[in-house]
Amino acid sequence: MAQDIKDTKLEAHFEALEKHKALLEKLHLDSNTHLDEVSNSLEQLTLTLEEYLKIIGIP
């Protein structure tokens, strides 16, 4: 059960990382991308990493 939660949190973080990477690539190619969108993506990336770290025991 704990392994399932750990795997789920890690997968959520990887998905947020891929979305953020795609957004940064879009920003690189099209400077019309809103910085709010980039900021929100970075915030989501941070939250998913924090959740994963809590699950594996890193405060």
PDB file of N, CA and C in Angstrom:
ATOM      1  N   MET A   1       0.826  -1.190   0.000  1.00  0.00           N
ATOM      2  CA  MET A   1       0.000   0.000   0.000  1.00  0.00           C
ATOM      3  C   MET A   1       0.872   1.256   0.000  1.00  0.00           C
ATOM      4  N   ALA A   2       1.864   1.326   0.898  1.00  0.00           N
ATOM      5  CA  ALA A   2       2.746   2.496   0.970  1.00  0.00           C
ATOM      6  C   ALA A   2       3.516   2.659  -0.329  1.00  0.00           C
ATOM      7  N   GLN A   3       3.912   1.534  -0.924  1.00  0.00           N
ATOM      8  CA  GLN A   3       4.636   1.604  -2.203  1.00  0.00           C
ATOM      9  C   GLN A   3       3.744   2.182  -3.296  1.00  0.00           C
ATOM     10  N   ASP A   4       2.456   1.842  -3.277  1.00  0.00           N
ATOM     11  CA  ASP A   4       1.519   2.381  -4.260  1.00  0.00           C
ATOM     12  C   ASP A   4       1.410   3.893  -4.146  1.00  0.00           C
ATOM     13  N   ILE A   5       1.343   4.390  -2.927  1.00  0.00           N
ATOM     14  CA  ILE A   5       1.246   5.831  -2.706  1.00  0.00           C
ATOM     15  C   ILE A   5       2.527   6.509  -3.186  1.00  0.00           C
ATOM     16  N   LYS A   6       3.672   5.908  -2.856  1.00  0.00           N
ATOM     17  CA  LYS A   6       4.956   6.454  -3.269  1.00  0.00           C
ATOM     18  C   LYS A   6       5.036   6.511  -4.799  1.00  0.00           C
ATOM     19  N   ASP A   7       4.643   5.428  -5.442  1.00  0.00           N
ATOM     20  CA  ASP A   7       4.657   5.379  -6.907  1.00  0.00           C
ATOM     21  C   ASP A   7       3.724   6.424  -7.511  1.00  0.00           C
ATOM     22  N   THR A   8       2.543   6.581  -6.921  1.00  0.00           N
ATOM     23  CA  THR A   8       1.561   7.556  -7.411  1.00  0.00           C
ATOM     24  C   THR A   8       2.105   8.974  -7.296  1.00  0.00           C
ATOM     25  N   LYS A   9       2.712   9.301  -6.166  1.00  0.00           N
ATOM     26  CA  LYS A   9       3.265  10.646  -5.951  1.00  0.00           C
ATOM     27  C   LYS A   9       4.436  10.902  -6.892  1.00  0.00           C
ATOM     28  N   LEU A  10       5.277   9.897  -7.092  1.00  0.00           N
ATOM     29  CA  LEU A  10       6.411  10.047  -8.008  1.00  0.00           C
ATOM     30  C   LEU A  10       5.917  10.254  -9.432  1.00  0.00           C
ATOM     31  N   GLU A  11       4.923   9.498  -9.837  1.00  0.00           N
ATOM     32  CA  GLU A  11       4.362   9.639 -11.185  1.00  0.00           C
ATOM     33  C   GLU A  11       3.728  11.015 -11.367  1.00  0.00           C
ATOM     34  N   ALA A  12       3.036  11.505 -10.348  1.00  0.00           N
ATOM     35  CA  ALA A  12       2.440  12.845 -10.425  1.00  0.00           C
ATOM     36  C   ALA A  12       3.525  13.902 -10.595  1.00  0.00           C
ATOM     37  N   HIS A  13       4.631  13.734  -9.904  1.00  0.00           N
ATOM     38  CA  HIS A  13       5.733  14.687 -10.031  1.00  0.00           C
ATOM     39  C   HIS A  13       6.341  14.613 -11.434  1.00  0.00           C
ATOM     40  N   PHE A  14       6.540  13.416 -11.952  1.00  0.00           N
ATOM     41  CA  PHE A  14       7.087  13.274 -13.304  1.00  0.00           C
ATOM     42  C   PHE A  14       6.166  13.912 -14.341  1.00  0.00           C
ATOM     43  N   GLU A  15       4.851  13.753 -14.166  1.00  0.00           N
ATOM     44  CA  GLU A  15       3.901  14.366 -15.096  1.00  0.00           C
ATOM     45  C   GLU A  15       3.985  15.890 -15.025  1.00  0.00           C
ATOM     46  N   ALA A  16       4.080  16.436 -13.810  1.00  0.00           N
ATOM     47  CA  ALA A  16       4.211  17.889 -13.652  1.00  0.00           C
ATOM     48  C   ALA A  16       5.512  18.379 -14.270  1.00  0.00           C
ATOM     49  N   LEU A  17       6.567  17.590 -14.125  1.00  0.00           N
ATOM     50  CA  LEU A  17       7.857  17.946 -14.708  1.00  0.00           C
ATOM     51  C   LEU A  17       7.781  17.989 -16.232  1.00  0.00           C
ATOM     52  N   GLU A  18       7.139  17.008 -16.824  1.00  0.00           N
ATOM     53  CA  GLU A  18       6.998  16.980 -18.283  1.00  0.00           C
ATOM     54  C   GLU A  18       6.139  18.143 -18.782  1.00  0.00           C
ATOM     55  N   LYS A  19       5.069  18.458 -18.067  1.00  0.00           N
ATOM     56  CA  LYS A  19       4.223  19.588 -18.460  1.00  0.00           C
ATOM     57  C   LYS A  19       4.997  20.897 -18.382  1.00  0.00           C
ATOM     58  N   HIS A  20       5.797  21.043 -17.322  1.00  0.00           N
ATOM     59  CA  HIS A  20       6.583  22.261 -17.155  1.00  0.00           C
ATOM     60  C   HIS A  20       7.643  22.368 -18.246  1.00  0.00           C
ATOM     61  N   LYS A  21       8.268  21.254 -18.553  1.00  0.00           N
ATOM     62  CA  LYS A  21       9.281  21.234 -19.615  1.00  0.00           C
ATOM     63  C   LYS A  21       8.656  21.658 -20.943  1.00  0.00           C
ATOM     64  N   ALA A  22       7.492  21.118 -21.261  1.00  0.00           N
ATOM     65  CA  ALA A  22       6.807  21.472 -22.508  1.00  0.00           C
ATOM     66  C   ALA A  22       6.435  22.955 -22.525  1.00  0.00           C
ATOM     67  N   LEU A  23       6.024  23.468 -21.387  1.00  0.00           N
ATOM     68  CA  LEU A  23       5.663  24.876 -21.299  1.00  0.00           C
ATOM     69  C   LEU A  23       6.884  25.769 -21.506  1.00  0.00           C
ATOM     70  N   LEU A  24       8.016  25.386 -20.930  1.00  0.00           N
ATOM     71  CA  LEU A  24       9.239  26.162 -21.123  1.00  0.00           C
ATOM     72  C   LEU A  24       9.695  26.119 -22.582  1.00  0.00           C
ATOM     73  N   GLU A  25       9.548  24.971 -23.228  1.00  0.00           N
ATOM     74  CA  GLU A  25       9.891  24.867 -24.644  1.00  0.00           C
ATOM     75  C   GLU A  25       8.980  25.770 -25.475  1.00  0.00           C
ATOM     76  N   LYS A  26       7.703  25.798 -25.123  1.00  0.00           N
ATOM     77  CA  LYS A  26       6.748  26.673 -25.808  1.00  0.00           C
ATOM     78  C   LYS A  26       7.135  28.135 -25.607  1.00  0.00           C
ATOM     79  N   LEU A  27       7.525  28.481 -24.387  1.00  0.00           N
ATOM     80  CA  LEU A  27       7.949  29.851 -24.091  1.00  0.00           C
ATOM     81  C   LEU A  27       9.183  30.212 -24.908  1.00  0.00           C
ATOM     82  N   HIS A  28      10.094  29.278 -25.044  1.00  0.00           N
ATOM     83  CA  HIS A  28      11.314  29.501 -25.819  1.00  0.00           C
ATOM     84  C   HIS A  28      10.986  29.782 -27.287  1.00  0.00           C
ATOM     85  N   LEU A  29      10.003  29.066 -27.807  1.00  0.00           N
ATOM     86  CA  LEU A  29       9.637  29.210 -29.218  1.00  0.00           C
ATOM     87  C   LEU A  29       8.655  30.350 -29.461  1.00  0.00           C
ATOM     88  N   ASP A  30       7.829  30.642 -28.482  1.00  0.00           N
ATOM     89  CA  ASP A  30       6.777  31.655 -28.644  1.00  0.00           C
ATOM     90  C   ASP A  30       6.743  32.534 -27.403  1.00  0.00           C
ATOM     91  N   SER A  31       7.339  33.674 -27.491  1.00  0.00           N
ATOM     92  CA  SER A  31       7.453  34.534 -26.311  1.00  0.00           C
ATOM     93  C   SER A  31       6.114  35.117 -25.876  1.00  0.00           C
ATOM     94  N   ASN A  32       5.027  34.783 -26.549  1.00  0.00           N
ATOM     95  CA  ASN A  32       3.699  35.250 -26.153  1.00  0.00           C
ATOM     96  C   ASN A  32       3.087  34.401 -25.036  1.00  0.00           C
ATOM     97  N   THR A  33       3.767  33.332 -24.661  1.00  0.00           N
ATOM     98  CA  THR A  33       3.288  32.504 -23.553  1.00  0.00           C
ATOM     99  C   THR A  33       3.271  33.349 -22.284  1.00  0.00           C
ATOM    100  N   HIS A  34       2.161  33.301 -21.577  1.00  0.00           N
ATOM    101  CA  HIS A  34       2.009  34.117 -20.380  1.00  0.00           C
ATOM    102  C   HIS A  34       2.888  33.593 -19.244  1.00  0.00           C
ATOM    103  N   LEU A  35       3.565  34.507 -18.593  1.00  0.00           N
ATOM    104  CA  LEU A  35       4.429  34.112 -17.486  1.00  0.00           C
ATOM    105  C   LEU A  35       3.623  33.585 -16.303  1.00  0.00           C
ATOM    106  N   ASP A  36       2.355  33.980 -16.185  1.00  0.00           N
ATOM    107  CA  ASP A  36       1.491  33.420 -15.137  1.00  0.00           C
ATOM    108  C   ASP A  36       1.363  31.908 -15.322  1.00  0.00           C
ATOM    109  N   GLU A  37       1.254  31.493 -16.565  1.00  0.00           N
ATOM    110  CA  GLU A  37       1.130  30.071 -16.871  1.00  0.00           C
ATOM    111  C   GLU A  37       2.402  29.334 -16.449  1.00  0.00           C
ATOM    112  N   VAL A  38       3.548  29.923 -16.710  1.00  0.00           N
ATOM    113  CA  VAL A  38       4.824  29.328 -16.325  1.00  0.00           C
ATOM    114  C   VAL A  38       4.931  29.279 -14.800  1.00  0.00           C
ATOM    115  N   SER A  39       4.539  30.344 -14.144  1.00  0.00           N
ATOM    116  CA  SER A  39       4.584  30.401 -12.684  1.00  0.00           C
ATOM    117  C   SER A  39       3.680  29.339 -12.062  1.00  0.00           C
ATOM    118  N   ASN A  40       2.478  29.188 -12.591  1.00  0.00           N
ATOM    119  CA  ASN A  40       1.550  28.170 -12.079  1.00  0.00           C
ATOM    120  C   ASN A  40       2.117  26.768 -12.276  1.00  0.00           C
ATOM    121  N   SER A  41       2.751  26.551 -13.411  1.00  0.00           N
ATOM    122  CA  SER A  41       3.343  25.251 -13.687  1.00  0.00           C
ATOM    123  C   SER A  41       4.480  24.955 -12.714  1.00  0.00           C
ATOM    124  N   LEU A  42       5.297  25.949 -12.455  1.00  0.00           N
ATOM    125  CA  LEU A  42       6.402  25.773 -11.516  1.00  0.00           C
ATOM    126  C   LEU A  42       5.873  25.504 -10.105  1.00  0.00           C
ATOM    127  N   GLU A  43       4.797  26.174  -9.732  1.00  0.00           N
ATOM    128  CA  GLU A  43       4.185  25.942  -8.424  1.00  0.00           C
ATOM    129  C   GLU A  43       3.674  24.504  -8.323  1.00  0.00           C
ATOM    130  N   GLN A  44       3.057  24.009  -9.384  1.00  0.00           N
ATOM    131  CA  GLN A  44       2.565  22.627  -9.391  1.00  0.00           C
ATOM    132  C   GLN A  44       3.725  21.641  -9.285  1.00  0.00           C
ATOM    133  N   LEU A  45       4.802  21.938  -9.974  1.00  0.00           N
ATOM    134  CA  LEU A  45       5.996  21.100  -9.910  1.00  0.00           C
ATOM    135  C   LEU A  45       6.535  21.040  -8.480  1.00  0.00           C
ATOM    136  N   THR A  46       6.576  22.172  -7.825  1.00  0.00           N
ATOM    137  CA  THR A  46       7.054  22.252  -6.447  1.00  0.00           C
ATOM    138  C   THR A  46       6.150  21.454  -5.507  1.00  0.00           C
ATOM    139  N   LEU A  47       4.850  21.601  -5.669  1.00  0.00           N
ATOM    140  CA  LEU A  47       3.909  20.882  -4.800  1.00  0.00           C
ATOM    141  C   LEU A  47       4.031  19.370  -4.959  1.00  0.00           C
ATOM    142  N   THR A  48       4.152  18.905  -6.199  1.00  0.00           N
ATOM    143  CA  THR A  48       4.255  17.458  -6.404  1.00  0.00           C
ATOM    144  C   THR A  48       5.559  16.921  -5.840  1.00  0.00           C
ATOM    145  N   LEU A  49       6.638  17.701  -5.933  1.00  0.00           N
ATOM    146  CA  LEU A  49       7.912  17.269  -5.362  1.00  0.00           C
ATOM    147  C   LEU A  49       7.817  17.221  -3.838  1.00  0.00           C
ATOM    148  N   GLU A  50       7.217  18.231  -3.237  1.00  0.00           N
ATOM    149  CA  GLU A  50       7.055  18.240  -1.778  1.00  0.00           C
ATOM    150  C   GLU A  50       6.250  17.038  -1.306  1.00  0.00           C
ATOM    151  N   GLU A  51       5.167  16.709  -2.006  1.00  0.00           N
ATOM    152  CA  GLU A  51       4.344  15.565  -1.629  1.00  0.00           C
ATOM    153  C   GLU A  51       5.138  14.268  -1.723  1.00  0.00           C
ATOM    154  N   TYR A  52       5.910  14.122  -2.789  1.00  0.00           N
ATOM    155  CA  TYR A  52       6.710  12.908  -2.946  1.00  0.00           C
ATOM    156  C   TYR A  52       7.759  12.806  -1.844  1.00  0.00           C
ATOM    157  N   LEU A  53       8.446  13.898  -1.561  1.00  0.00           N
ATOM    158  CA  LEU A  53       9.484  13.879  -0.531  1.00  0.00           C
ATOM    159  C   LEU A  53       8.911  13.525   0.833  1.00  0.00           C
ATOM    160  N   LYS A  54       7.704  14.015   1.135  1.00  0.00           N
ATOM    161  CA  LYS A  54       7.048  13.679   2.407  1.00  0.00           C
ATOM    162  C   LYS A  54       6.785  12.169   2.476  1.00  0.00           C
ATOM    163  N   ILE A  55       6.317  11.604   1.369  1.00  0.00           N
ATOM    164  CA  ILE A  55       5.995  10.172   1.336  1.00  0.00           C
ATOM    165  C   ILE A  55       7.236   9.311   1.562  1.00  0.00           C
ATOM    166  N   ILE A  56       8.381   9.728   1.009  1.00  0.00           N
ATOM    167  CA  ILE A  56       9.582   8.901   1.184  1.00  0.00           C
ATOM    168  C   ILE A  56      10.350   9.244   2.456  1.00  0.00           C
ATOM    169  N   GLY A  57       9.807  10.198   3.235  1.00  0.00           N
ATOM    170  CA  GLY A  57      10.372  10.471   4.546  1.00  0.00           C
ATOM    171  C   GLY A  57      11.376  11.591   4.610  1.00  0.00           C
ATOM    172  N   ILE A  58      11.390  12.451   3.615  1.00  0.00           N
ATOM    173  CA  ILE A  58      12.271  13.617   3.651  1.00  0.00           C
ATOM    174  C   ILE A  58      11.415  14.836   3.931  1.00  0.00           C
ATOM    175  N   PRO A  59      11.608  15.456   5.096  1.00  0.00           N
ATOM    176  CA  PRO A  59      10.731  16.590   5.481  1.00  0.00           C
ATOM    177  C   PRO A  59      10.875  17.812   4.608  1.00  0.00           C
TER     178      PRO A  59
END
